[in-house]
Amino acid sequence: MMKKKILVVSQENYIGELLRAELMEEGYEASLADSSEKAFSKYRQDFPDIVLIDTVLSDIDSADVLRCFREGNASPPVVIWSAYDTGGDENLWWVSEAYIMNTASFFKIKKKIKELCPCR
């Protein structure tokens, strides 16, 4: 059985790497992108089963990145994770399956991924 692919988009590499490592321990194939350009490239190359995106990206507005992932008929589920409250920004909600406040533990993120994209 092929592993489910997850694309983690985070400007903060150390947090993205920690999450990627934990997802790999859970049985997923996970890749990391630290910019919108890398995210789009990996998205087109890997065709992930699910996309996790941090709302803080310096090179492009996160809502624009999310919209791009939503274009086309075969778009994967998108989970937004952030240390910041969106402040009611509806632009982020309409294109995602979930919004999770980032904490010191990735428990909530991994739980949502298992719901949306079980690896077994």
N, C-alpha and C. Protein backbone atom coordinates (compact mmCIF):
# COMPACT_ATOMS: atom_id res chain seq x y z
N MET A 1 0.84 -1.19 0.00
CA MET A 1 0.00 0.00 0.00
C MET A 1 0.88 1.25 0.00
N MET A 2 0.53 2.21 -0.85
CA MET A 2 1.30 3.45 -0.92
C MET A 2 0.97 4.35 0.27
N LYS A 3 1.99 5.03 0.75
CA LYS A 3 1.79 5.98 1.84
C LYS A 3 1.04 7.20 1.33
N LYS A 4 0.21 7.77 2.18
CA LYS A 4 -0.48 9.01 1.86
C LYS A 4 0.54 10.14 1.91
N LYS A 5 0.43 11.08 0.96
CA LYS A 5 1.37 12.19 0.87
C LYS A 5 0.79 13.45 1.49
N ILE A 6 1.63 14.11 2.28
CA ILE A 6 1.24 15.36 2.92
C ILE A 6 2.26 16.44 2.56
N LEU A 7 1.75 17.59 2.17
CA LEU A 7 2.60 18.75 1.92
C LEU A 7 2.43 19.71 3.08
N VAL A 8 3.53 19.99 3.78
CA VAL A 8 3.55 20.93 4.90
C VAL A 8 4.15 22.24 4.39
N VAL A 9 3.38 23.33 4.48
CA VAL A 9 3.84 24.63 4.02
C VAL A 9 4.03 25.51 5.24
N SER A 10 5.28 25.85 5.53
CA SER A 10 5.60 26.66 6.70
C SER A 10 6.88 27.43 6.46
N GLN A 11 6.83 28.72 6.72
CA GLN A 11 8.03 29.55 6.60
C GLN A 11 9.01 29.25 7.72
N GLU A 12 8.50 28.80 8.84
CA GLU A 12 9.34 28.49 9.99
C GLU A 12 9.82 27.05 9.87
N ASN A 13 11.01 26.87 9.28
CA ASN A 13 11.51 25.54 8.96
C ASN A 13 11.60 24.60 10.14
N TYR A 14 12.02 25.11 11.29
CA TYR A 14 12.19 24.22 12.43
C TYR A 14 10.84 23.63 12.87
N ILE A 15 9.78 24.41 12.82
CA ILE A 15 8.46 23.89 13.18
C ILE A 15 7.96 22.95 12.09
N GLY A 16 8.14 23.35 10.84
CA GLY A 16 7.75 22.49 9.73
C GLY A 16 8.48 21.16 9.75
N GLU A 17 9.77 21.18 10.06
CA GLU A 17 10.55 19.94 10.14
C GLU A 17 10.07 19.04 11.28
N LEU A 18 9.76 19.65 12.41
CA LEU A 18 9.24 18.86 13.53
C LEU A 18 7.92 18.19 13.16
N LEU A 19 7.03 18.94 12.54
CA LEU A 19 5.75 18.39 12.12
C LEU A 19 5.94 17.32 11.06
N ARG A 20 6.80 17.58 10.09
CA ARG A 20 7.08 16.59 9.03
C ARG A 20 7.60 15.29 9.63
N ALA A 21 8.52 15.38 10.60
CA ALA A 21 9.08 14.19 11.24
C ALA A 21 7.99 13.41 11.99
N GLU A 22 7.12 14.11 12.69
CA GLU A 22 6.05 13.43 13.42
C GLU A 22 5.07 12.75 12.47
N LEU A 23 4.78 13.40 11.35
CA LEU A 23 3.88 12.80 10.37
C LEU A 23 4.50 11.56 9.74
N MET A 24 5.80 11.58 9.51
CA MET A 24 6.48 10.41 8.97
C MET A 24 6.44 9.26 9.97
N GLU A 25 6.56 9.57 11.26
CA GLU A 25 6.43 8.54 12.30
C GLU A 25 5.04 7.93 12.31
N GLU A 26 4.04 8.70 11.91
CA GLU A 26 2.65 8.23 11.87
C GLU A 26 2.37 7.39 10.61
N GLY A 27 3.34 7.32 9.70
CA GLY A 27 3.18 6.49 8.51
C GLY A 27 2.87 7.25 7.23
N TYR A 28 2.98 8.57 7.26
CA TYR A 28 2.74 9.38 6.07
C TYR A 28 4.05 9.69 5.37
N GLU A 29 3.97 10.01 4.09
CA GLU A 29 5.10 10.57 3.35
C GLU A 29 4.89 12.08 3.39
N ALA A 30 5.81 12.80 3.97
CA ALA A 30 5.61 14.24 4.17
C ALA A 30 6.76 15.03 3.56
N SER A 31 6.40 16.12 2.88
CA SER A 31 7.42 17.02 2.34
C SER A 31 7.15 18.42 2.89
N LEU A 32 8.18 19.25 2.85
CA LEU A 32 8.11 20.58 3.44
C LEU A 32 8.44 21.63 2.39
N ALA A 33 7.66 22.71 2.38
CA ALA A 33 7.94 23.87 1.54
C ALA A 33 7.93 25.11 2.42
N ASP A 34 8.94 25.98 2.25
CA ASP A 34 9.03 27.17 3.10
C ASP A 34 8.69 28.46 2.37
N SER A 35 8.17 28.34 1.15
CA SER A 35 7.74 29.51 0.39
C SER A 35 6.60 29.09 -0.53
N SER A 36 5.89 30.07 -1.04
CA SER A 36 4.79 29.75 -1.94
C SER A 36 5.30 29.11 -3.23
N GLU A 37 6.41 29.59 -3.74
CA GLU A 37 6.98 29.02 -4.97
C GLU A 37 7.30 27.54 -4.79
N LYS A 38 7.96 27.21 -3.68
CA LYS A 38 8.29 25.80 -3.41
C LYS A 38 7.02 24.98 -3.17
N ALA A 39 6.04 25.60 -2.50
CA ALA A 39 4.78 24.89 -2.25
C ALA A 39 4.08 24.53 -3.55
N PHE A 40 3.99 25.49 -4.49
CA PHE A 40 3.34 25.22 -5.76
C PHE A 40 4.10 24.15 -6.55
N SER A 41 5.43 24.21 -6.52
CA SER A 41 6.25 23.24 -7.24
C SER A 41 6.04 21.84 -6.67
N LYS A 42 6.11 21.71 -5.35
CA LYS A 42 5.92 20.40 -4.72
C LYS A 42 4.49 19.89 -4.92
N TYR A 43 3.55 20.79 -4.92
CA TYR A 43 2.15 20.43 -5.13
C TYR A 43 1.96 19.81 -6.53
N ARG A 44 2.54 20.46 -7.53
CA ARG A 44 2.42 19.94 -8.90
C ARG A 44 3.23 18.66 -9.11
N GLN A 45 4.33 18.54 -8.40
CA GLN A 45 5.22 17.39 -8.55
C GLN A 45 4.70 16.17 -7.80
N ASP A 46 4.24 16.36 -6.57
CA ASP A 46 3.91 15.23 -5.69
C ASP A 46 2.43 14.86 -5.64
N PHE A 47 1.54 15.77 -6.04
CA PHE A 47 0.09 15.54 -5.92
C PHE A 47 -0.27 15.02 -4.53
N PRO A 48 -0.09 15.85 -3.49
CA PRO A 48 -0.33 15.38 -2.12
C PRO A 48 -1.80 15.05 -1.88
N ASP A 49 -2.02 14.17 -0.90
CA ASP A 49 -3.37 13.79 -0.51
C ASP A 49 -3.99 14.82 0.42
N ILE A 50 -3.14 15.61 1.08
CA ILE A 50 -3.61 16.66 1.98
C ILE A 50 -2.52 17.73 2.07
N VAL A 51 -2.94 18.97 2.29
CA VAL A 51 -2.00 20.10 2.41
C VAL A 51 -2.21 20.75 3.77
N LEU A 52 -1.12 20.95 4.49
CA LEU A 52 -1.13 21.72 5.75
C LEU A 52 -0.42 23.02 5.47
N ILE A 53 -1.05 24.12 5.82
CA ILE A 53 -0.42 25.40 5.53
C ILE A 53 -0.48 26.33 6.73
N ASP A 54 0.68 26.88 7.06
CA ASP A 54 0.79 27.90 8.10
C ASP A 54 0.33 29.21 7.47
N THR A 55 -0.38 30.02 8.23
CA THR A 55 -0.91 31.26 7.68
C THR A 55 0.14 32.35 7.55
N VAL A 56 1.34 32.12 8.07
CA VAL A 56 2.38 33.15 8.01
C VAL A 56 3.40 32.78 6.93
N LEU A 57 3.29 33.46 5.79
CA LEU A 57 4.26 33.31 4.70
C LEU A 57 4.69 34.71 4.29
N SER A 58 5.97 34.92 4.08
CA SER A 58 6.44 36.28 3.79
C SER A 58 6.32 36.65 2.32
N ASP A 59 6.32 35.67 1.43
CA ASP A 59 6.39 36.02 0.02
C ASP A 59 5.05 36.13 -0.69
N ILE A 60 3.97 35.74 -0.03
CA ILE A 60 2.64 35.82 -0.65
C ILE A 60 1.60 35.70 0.46
N ASP A 61 0.44 36.25 0.21
CA ASP A 61 -0.66 36.14 1.17
C ASP A 61 -1.13 34.68 1.24
N SER A 62 -1.27 34.14 2.44
CA SER A 62 -1.68 32.75 2.62
C SER A 62 -3.03 32.44 1.98
N ALA A 63 -3.94 33.40 1.99
CA ALA A 63 -5.25 33.18 1.37
C ALA A 63 -5.09 32.96 -0.13
N ASP A 64 -4.14 33.65 -0.77
CA ASP A 64 -3.88 33.45 -2.19
C ASP A 64 -3.33 32.05 -2.45
N VAL A 65 -2.44 31.59 -1.57
CA VAL A 65 -1.89 30.23 -1.70
C VAL A 65 -3.02 29.22 -1.59
N LEU A 66 -3.88 29.41 -0.61
CA LEU A 66 -5.00 28.48 -0.41
C LEU A 66 -5.92 28.44 -1.63
N ARG A 67 -6.20 29.59 -2.18
CA ARG A 67 -7.05 29.63 -3.37
C ARG A 67 -6.44 28.86 -4.53
N CYS A 68 -5.12 28.96 -4.69
CA CYS A 68 -4.45 28.23 -5.76
C CYS A 68 -4.55 26.73 -5.56
N PHE A 69 -4.46 26.27 -4.31
CA PHE A 69 -4.61 24.84 -4.05
C PHE A 69 -6.03 24.37 -4.33
N ARG A 70 -6.98 25.27 -4.29
CA ARG A 70 -8.38 24.94 -4.49
C ARG A 70 -8.82 24.97 -5.95
N GLU A 71 -7.96 25.46 -6.83
CA GLU A 71 -8.31 25.52 -8.25
C GLU A 71 -8.25 24.11 -8.84
N GLY A 72 -9.16 23.82 -9.72
CA GLY A 72 -9.20 22.51 -10.35
C GLY A 72 -10.15 21.57 -9.63
N ASN A 73 -10.37 20.44 -10.23
CA ASN A 73 -11.36 19.49 -9.71
C ASN A 73 -10.80 18.53 -8.68
N ALA A 74 -9.51 18.29 -8.70
CA ALA A 74 -8.93 17.26 -7.83
C ALA A 74 -8.14 17.87 -6.68
N SER A 75 -8.67 18.90 -6.06
CA SER A 75 -7.93 19.55 -4.98
C SER A 75 -8.01 18.73 -3.70
N PRO A 76 -6.88 18.60 -3.01
CA PRO A 76 -6.86 17.82 -1.77
C PRO A 76 -7.43 18.64 -0.61
N PRO A 77 -7.75 17.96 0.49
CA PRO A 77 -8.15 18.71 1.69
C PRO A 77 -7.02 19.64 2.14
N VAL A 78 -7.39 20.80 2.65
CA VAL A 78 -6.43 21.78 3.14
C VAL A 78 -6.72 22.04 4.61
N VAL A 79 -5.68 21.95 5.44
CA VAL A 79 -5.80 22.26 6.87
C VAL A 79 -4.90 23.45 7.15
N ILE A 80 -5.47 24.49 7.71
CA ILE A 80 -4.72 25.68 8.09
C ILE A 80 -4.26 25.48 9.53
N TRP A 81 -3.01 25.79 9.79
CA TRP A 81 -2.51 25.74 11.17
C TRP A 81 -1.69 27.00 11.41
N SER A 82 -1.94 27.60 12.54
CA SER A 82 -1.29 28.87 12.83
C SER A 82 -1.23 29.14 14.33
N ALA A 83 -0.25 29.90 14.70
CA ALA A 83 -0.16 30.34 16.10
C ALA A 83 -1.03 31.57 16.33
N TYR A 84 -1.62 32.08 15.26
CA TYR A 84 -2.38 33.32 15.35
C TYR A 84 -3.85 33.07 15.05
N ASP A 85 -4.71 33.81 15.71
CA ASP A 85 -6.12 33.79 15.41
C ASP A 85 -6.33 34.55 14.11
N THR A 86 -7.21 34.06 13.26
CA THR A 86 -7.44 34.73 11.97
C THR A 86 -8.16 36.04 12.14
N GLY A 87 -8.70 36.31 13.32
CA GLY A 87 -9.43 37.54 13.53
C GLY A 87 -10.71 37.58 12.71
N GLY A 88 -11.27 36.41 12.47
CA GLY A 88 -12.51 36.34 11.70
C GLY A 88 -12.30 36.47 10.21
N ASP A 89 -11.10 36.25 9.73
CA ASP A 89 -10.82 36.35 8.30
C ASP A 89 -11.49 35.21 7.56
N GLU A 90 -12.63 35.49 6.99
CA GLU A 90 -13.41 34.46 6.30
C GLU A 90 -12.72 33.95 5.05
N ASN A 91 -11.78 34.71 4.49
CA ASN A 91 -11.06 34.25 3.30
C ASN A 91 -10.32 32.95 3.55
N LEU A 92 -9.86 32.73 4.78
CA LEU A 92 -9.13 31.51 5.07
C LEU A 92 -10.07 30.33 5.30
N TRP A 93 -11.25 30.58 5.78
CA TRP A 93 -12.18 29.49 6.10
C TRP A 93 -12.82 28.87 4.88
N TRP A 94 -13.16 29.65 3.88
CA TRP A 94 -13.92 29.11 2.76
C TRP A 94 -13.12 28.15 1.90
N VAL A 95 -11.81 28.13 2.06
CA VAL A 95 -10.99 27.25 1.24
C VAL A 95 -10.34 26.12 2.03
N SER A 96 -10.73 25.93 3.27
CA SER A 96 -10.08 24.89 4.07
C SER A 96 -11.10 23.98 4.74
N GLU A 97 -10.62 22.79 5.09
CA GLU A 97 -11.45 21.84 5.83
C GLU A 97 -11.38 22.08 7.33
N ALA A 98 -10.29 22.72 7.78
CA ALA A 98 -10.13 22.95 9.21
C ALA A 98 -9.13 24.08 9.45
N TYR A 99 -9.31 24.74 10.59
CA TYR A 99 -8.35 25.74 11.07
C TYR A 99 -7.96 25.32 12.47
N ILE A 100 -6.67 25.13 12.69
CA ILE A 100 -6.19 24.64 13.98
C ILE A 100 -5.17 25.61 14.53
N MET A 101 -5.39 26.05 15.75
CA MET A 101 -4.41 26.89 16.42
C MET A 101 -3.21 26.03 16.78
N ASN A 102 -2.03 26.45 16.38
CA ASN A 102 -0.80 25.72 16.63
C ASN A 102 -0.43 25.83 18.11
N THR A 103 -0.11 24.70 18.68
CA THR A 103 0.33 24.67 20.08
C THR A 103 1.68 23.98 20.15
N ALA A 104 2.18 23.79 21.35
CA ALA A 104 3.47 23.11 21.51
C ALA A 104 3.39 21.65 21.06
N SER A 105 2.20 21.10 21.04
CA SER A 105 1.99 19.72 20.60
C SER A 105 1.27 19.72 19.26
N PHE A 106 1.57 18.74 18.45
CA PHE A 106 0.90 18.60 17.15
C PHE A 106 -0.29 17.66 17.22
N PHE A 107 -0.76 17.36 18.43
CA PHE A 107 -1.84 16.39 18.62
C PHE A 107 -3.09 16.73 17.79
N LYS A 108 -3.56 17.97 17.88
CA LYS A 108 -4.78 18.37 17.16
C LYS A 108 -4.59 18.28 15.64
N ILE A 109 -3.43 18.68 15.19
CA ILE A 109 -3.15 18.63 13.75
C ILE A 109 -3.17 17.18 13.27
N LYS A 110 -2.47 16.30 14.00
CA LYS A 110 -2.41 14.90 13.60
C LYS A 110 -3.78 14.23 13.68
N LYS A 111 -4.57 14.60 14.66
CA LYS A 111 -5.92 14.05 14.78
C LYS A 111 -6.77 14.44 13.57
N LYS A 112 -6.71 15.70 13.16
CA LYS A 112 -7.48 16.16 12.00
C LYS A 112 -7.00 15.48 10.72
N ILE A 113 -5.70 15.31 10.58
CA ILE A 113 -5.16 14.63 9.40
C ILE A 113 -5.68 13.20 9.34
N LYS A 114 -5.69 12.51 10.47
CA LYS A 114 -6.20 11.14 10.49
C LYS A 114 -7.67 11.07 10.11
N GLU A 115 -8.43 12.10 10.47
CA GLU A 115 -9.85 12.15 10.09
C GLU A 115 -10.01 12.35 8.59
N LEU A 116 -9.23 13.28 8.03
CA LEU A 116 -9.37 13.64 6.62
C LEU A 116 -8.62 12.72 5.67
N CYS A 117 -7.55 12.10 6.17
CA CYS A 117 -6.67 11.34 5.29
C CYS A 117 -6.02 10.19 6.06
N PRO A 118 -6.80 9.16 6.41
CA PRO A 118 -6.22 8.06 7.18
C PRO A 118 -5.09 7.38 6.42
N CYS A 119 -4.01 7.07 7.11
CA CYS A 119 -2.86 6.46 6.42
C CYS A 119 -2.99 4.95 6.33
N ARG A 120 -3.89 4.37 7.07
CA ARG A 120 -4.04 2.89 7.02
C ARG A 120 -5.45 2.52 6.73
